């Protein structure tokens, strides 16, 4: 079975209360990484 992030080209996505980040996207110490997290954790 293929993992979800391997078939989706987005940087990140949410499923219910779960956030999935594509390979190399989790970097909360960088402005770009914070932007990715904020987009997924913010309001829809």
PDB file of N, CA and C in Angstrom:
ATOM      1  N   UNK A   1       0.844  -1.188   0.000  1.00  0.00           N
ATOM      2  CA  UNK A   1       0.000   0.000   0.000  1.00  0.00           C
ATOM      3  C   UNK A   1       0.885   1.245   0.000  1.00  0.00           C
ATOM      4  N   UNK A   2       0.506   2.238  -0.774  1.00  0.00           N
ATOM      5  CA  UNK A   2       1.263   3.485  -0.860  1.00  0.00           C
ATOM      6  C   UNK A   2       0.877   4.400   0.292  1.00  0.00           C
ATOM      7  N   UNK A   3       1.850   5.077   0.849  1.00  0.00           N
ATOM      8  CA  UNK A   3       1.591   6.028   1.915  1.00  0.00           C
ATOM      9  C   UNK A   3       0.926   7.270   1.328  1.00  0.00           C
ATOM     10  N   UNK A   4       0.013   7.935   2.088  1.00  0.00           N
ATOM     11  CA  UNK A   4      -0.726   9.078   1.553  1.00  0.00           C
ATOM     12  C   UNK A   4       0.145  10.181   0.970  1.00  0.00           C
ATOM     13  N   UNK A   5       1.210  10.573   1.667  1.00  0.00           N
ATOM     14  CA  UNK A   5       2.030  11.692   1.184  1.00  0.00           C
ATOM     15  C   UNK A   5       2.833  11.337  -0.060  1.00  0.00           C
ATOM     16  N   UNK A   6       2.996  10.065  -0.357  1.00  0.00           N
ATOM     17  CA  UNK A   6       3.741   9.683  -1.556  1.00  0.00           C
ATOM     18  C   UNK A   6       2.899   9.864  -2.808  1.00  0.00           C
ATOM     19  N   UNK A   7       1.581   9.855  -2.682  1.00  0.00           N
ATOM     20  CA  UNK A   7       0.719   9.995  -3.843  1.00  0.00           C
ATOM     21  C   UNK A   7       0.124  11.384  -3.981  1.00  0.00           C
ATOM     22  N   UNK A   8       0.265  12.207  -2.964  1.00  0.00           N
ATOM     23  CA  UNK A   8      -0.252  13.577  -2.991  1.00  0.00           C
ATOM     24  C   UNK A   8       0.924  14.527  -3.137  1.00  0.00           C
ATOM     25  N   UNK A   9       0.800  15.477  -4.039  1.00  0.00           N
ATOM     26  CA  UNK A   9       1.916  16.384  -4.308  1.00  0.00           C
ATOM     27  C   UNK A   9       1.886  17.641  -3.439  1.00  0.00           C
ATOM     28  N   UNK A  10       0.849  17.807  -2.613  1.00  0.00           N
ATOM     29  CA  UNK A  10       0.800  18.962  -1.718  1.00  0.00           C
ATOM     30  C   UNK A  10       1.909  18.873  -0.676  1.00  0.00           C
ATOM     31  N   UNK A  11       2.237  20.016  -0.113  1.00  0.00           N
ATOM     32  CA  UNK A  11       3.257  20.047   0.930  1.00  0.00           C
ATOM     33  C   UNK A  11       2.741  19.445   2.222  1.00  0.00           C
ATOM     34  N   UNK A  12       1.439  19.624   2.484  1.00  0.00           N
ATOM     35  CA  UNK A  12       0.824  19.097   3.699  1.00  0.00           C
ATOM     36  C   UNK A  12      -0.677  19.004   3.484  1.00  0.00           C
ATOM     37  N   UNK A  13      -1.328  18.168   4.308  1.00  0.00           N
ATOM     38  CA  UNK A  13      -2.777  18.089   4.270  1.00  0.00           C
ATOM     39  C   UNK A  13      -3.270  17.598   5.618  1.00  0.00           C
ATOM     40  N   UNK A  14      -4.554  17.803   5.874  1.00  0.00           N
ATOM     41  CA  UNK A  14      -5.145  17.350   7.128  1.00  0.00           C
ATOM     42  C   UNK A  14      -6.234  16.330   6.843  1.00  0.00           C
ATOM     43  N   UNK A  15      -6.379  15.409   7.785  1.00  0.00           N
ATOM     44  CA  UNK A  15      -7.460  14.425   7.764  1.00  0.00           C
ATOM     45  C   UNK A  15      -8.002  14.391   9.185  1.00  0.00           C
ATOM     46  N   UNK A  16      -9.171  14.963   9.374  1.00  0.00           N
ATOM     47  CA  UNK A  16      -9.716  15.071  10.732  1.00  0.00           C
ATOM     48  C   UNK A  16      -8.799  15.915  11.597  1.00  0.00           C
ATOM     49  N   UNK A  17      -8.327  15.348  12.700  1.00  0.00           N
ATOM     50  CA  UNK A  17      -7.424  16.057  13.611  1.00  0.00           C
ATOM     51  C   UNK A  17      -5.955  15.796  13.316  1.00  0.00           C
ATOM     52  N   UNK A  18      -5.660  15.121  12.235  1.00  0.00           N
ATOM     53  CA  UNK A  18      -4.291  14.735  11.905  1.00  0.00           C
ATOM     54  C   UNK A  18      -3.723  15.608  10.789  1.00  0.00           C
ATOM     55  N   UNK A  19      -2.467  15.969  10.933  1.00  0.00           N
ATOM     56  CA  UNK A  19      -1.760  16.732   9.906  1.00  0.00           C
ATOM     57  C   UNK A  19      -0.680  15.833   9.317  1.00  0.00           C
ATOM     58  N   UNK A  20      -0.664  15.719   7.998  1.00  0.00           N
ATOM     59  CA  UNK A  20       0.375  14.952   7.304  1.00  0.00           C
ATOM     60  C   UNK A  20       1.231  15.926   6.512  1.00  0.00           C
ATOM     61  N   UNK A  21       2.534  15.810   6.689  1.00  0.00           N
ATOM     62  CA  UNK A  21       3.477  16.677   5.981  1.00  0.00           C
ATOM     63  C   UNK A  21       4.311  15.839   5.026  1.00  0.00           C
ATOM     64  N   UNK A  22       4.512  16.348   3.835  1.00  0.00           N
ATOM     65  CA  UNK A  22       5.322  15.636   2.866  1.00  0.00           C
ATOM     66  C   UNK A  22       6.783  15.621   3.323  1.00  0.00           C
ATOM     67  N   UNK A  23       7.555  14.728   2.764  1.00  0.00           N
ATOM     68  CA  UNK A  23       8.958  14.549   3.150  1.00  0.00           C
ATOM     69  C   UNK A  23       9.717  15.880   3.113  1.00  0.00           C
ATOM     70  N   UNK A  24      10.376  16.214   4.214  1.00  0.00           N
ATOM     71  CA  UNK A  24      11.195  17.418   4.286  1.00  0.00           C
ATOM     72  C   UNK A  24      10.438  18.701   4.584  1.00  0.00           C
ATOM     73  N   UNK A  25       9.133  18.632   4.764  1.00  0.00           N
ATOM     74  CA  UNK A  25       8.339  19.841   4.999  1.00  0.00           C
ATOM     75  C   UNK A  25       8.277  20.253   6.459  1.00  0.00           C
ATOM     76  N   UNK A  26       8.539  19.345   7.387  1.00  0.00           N
ATOM     77  CA  UNK A  26       8.456  19.699   8.801  1.00  0.00           C
ATOM     78  C   UNK A  26       9.744  20.369   9.239  1.00  0.00           C
ATOM     79  N   UNK A  27       9.689  21.683   9.366  1.00  0.00           N
ATOM     80  CA  UNK A  27      10.831  22.468   9.842  1.00  0.00           C
ATOM     81  C   UNK A  27      10.282  23.671  10.602  1.00  0.00           C
ATOM     82  N   UNK A  28       9.793  23.459  11.829  1.00  0.00           N
ATOM     83  CA  UNK A  28       9.160  24.546  12.563  1.00  0.00           C
ATOM     84  C   UNK A  28      10.114  25.672  12.947  1.00  0.00           C
ATOM     85  N   UNK A  29      11.400  25.491  12.758  1.00  0.00           N
ATOM     86  CA  UNK A  29      12.340  26.556  13.101  1.00  0.00           C
ATOM     87  C   UNK A  29      12.568  27.523  11.947  1.00  0.00           C
ATOM     88  N   UNK A  30      12.069  27.211  10.759  1.00  0.00           N
ATOM     89  CA  UNK A  30      12.251  28.116   9.616  1.00  0.00           C
ATOM     90  C   UNK A  30      10.945  28.845   9.316  1.00  0.00           C
ATOM     91  N   UNK A  31      11.014  30.043   8.763  1.00  0.00           N
ATOM     92  CA  UNK A  31       9.789  30.769   8.398  1.00  0.00           C
ATOM     93  C   UNK A  31       8.916  29.984   7.413  1.00  0.00           C
ATOM     94  N   UNK A  32       9.532  29.316   6.458  1.00  0.00           N
ATOM     95  CA  UNK A  32       8.769  28.540   5.486  1.00  0.00           C
ATOM     96  C   UNK A  32       8.065  27.366   6.154  1.00  0.00           C
ATOM     97  N   UNK A  33       8.762  26.681   7.051  1.00  0.00           N
ATOM     98  CA  UNK A  33       8.160  25.573   7.782  1.00  0.00           C
ATOM     99  C   UNK A  33       7.016  26.033   8.678  1.00  0.00           C
ATOM    100  N   UNK A  34       7.176  27.200   9.294  1.00  0.00           N
ATOM    101  CA  UNK A  34       6.112  27.761  10.127  1.00  0.00           C
ATOM    102  C   UNK A  34       4.894  28.108   9.278  1.00  0.00           C
ATOM    103  N   UNK A  35       5.130  28.590   8.064  1.00  0.00           N
ATOM    104  CA  UNK A  35       4.037  28.925   7.156  1.00  0.00           C
ATOM    105  C   UNK A  35       3.238  27.671   6.789  1.00  0.00           C
ATOM    106  N   UNK A  36       3.938  26.580   6.492  1.00  0.00           N
ATOM    107  CA  UNK A  36       3.264  25.324   6.155  1.00  0.00           C
ATOM    108  C   UNK A  36       2.400  24.865   7.332  1.00  0.00           C
ATOM    109  N   UNK A  37       2.941  24.896   8.536  1.00  0.00           N
ATOM    110  CA  UNK A  37       2.180  24.477   9.715  1.00  0.00           C
ATOM    111  C   UNK A  37       0.992  25.403   9.963  1.00  0.00           C
ATOM    112  N   UNK A  38       1.196  26.696   9.834  1.00  0.00           N
ATOM    113  CA  UNK A  38       0.113  27.661  10.081  1.00  0.00           C
ATOM    114  C   UNK A  38      -1.035  27.445   9.107  1.00  0.00           C
ATOM    115  N   UNK A  39      -0.722  27.165   7.862  1.00  0.00           N
ATOM    116  CA  UNK A  39      -1.770  26.922   6.868  1.00  0.00           C
ATOM    117  C   UNK A  39      -2.596  25.700   7.219  1.00  0.00           C
ATOM    118  N   UNK A  40      -1.965  24.672   7.754  1.00  0.00           N
ATOM    119  CA  UNK A  40      -2.694  23.441   8.079  1.00  0.00           C
ATOM    120  C   UNK A  40      -3.423  23.540   9.424  1.00  0.00           C
ATOM    121  N   UNK A  41      -2.889  24.299  10.354  1.00  0.00           N
ATOM    122  CA  UNK A  41      -3.488  24.383  11.689  1.00  0.00           C
ATOM    123  C   UNK A  41      -4.487  25.514  11.837  1.00  0.00           C
ATOM    124  N   UNK A  42      -4.475  26.448  10.873  1.00  0.00           N
ATOM    125  CA  UNK A  42      -5.369  27.597  10.928  1.00  0.00           C
ATOM    126  C   UNK A  42      -6.791  27.234  10.534  1.00  0.00           C
ATOM    127  N   UNK A  43      -7.672  28.250  10.550  1.00  0.00           N
ATOM    128  CA  UNK A  43      -9.067  27.991  10.179  1.00  0.00           C
ATOM    129  C   UNK A  43      -9.187  27.601   8.697  1.00  0.00           C
ATOM    130  N   UNK A  44     -10.206  26.829   8.380  1.00  0.00           N
ATOM    131  CA  UNK A  44     -10.390  26.394   6.976  1.00  0.00           C
ATOM    132  C   UNK A  44     -10.711  27.525   6.041  1.00  0.00           C
TER     133      UNK A  44
END
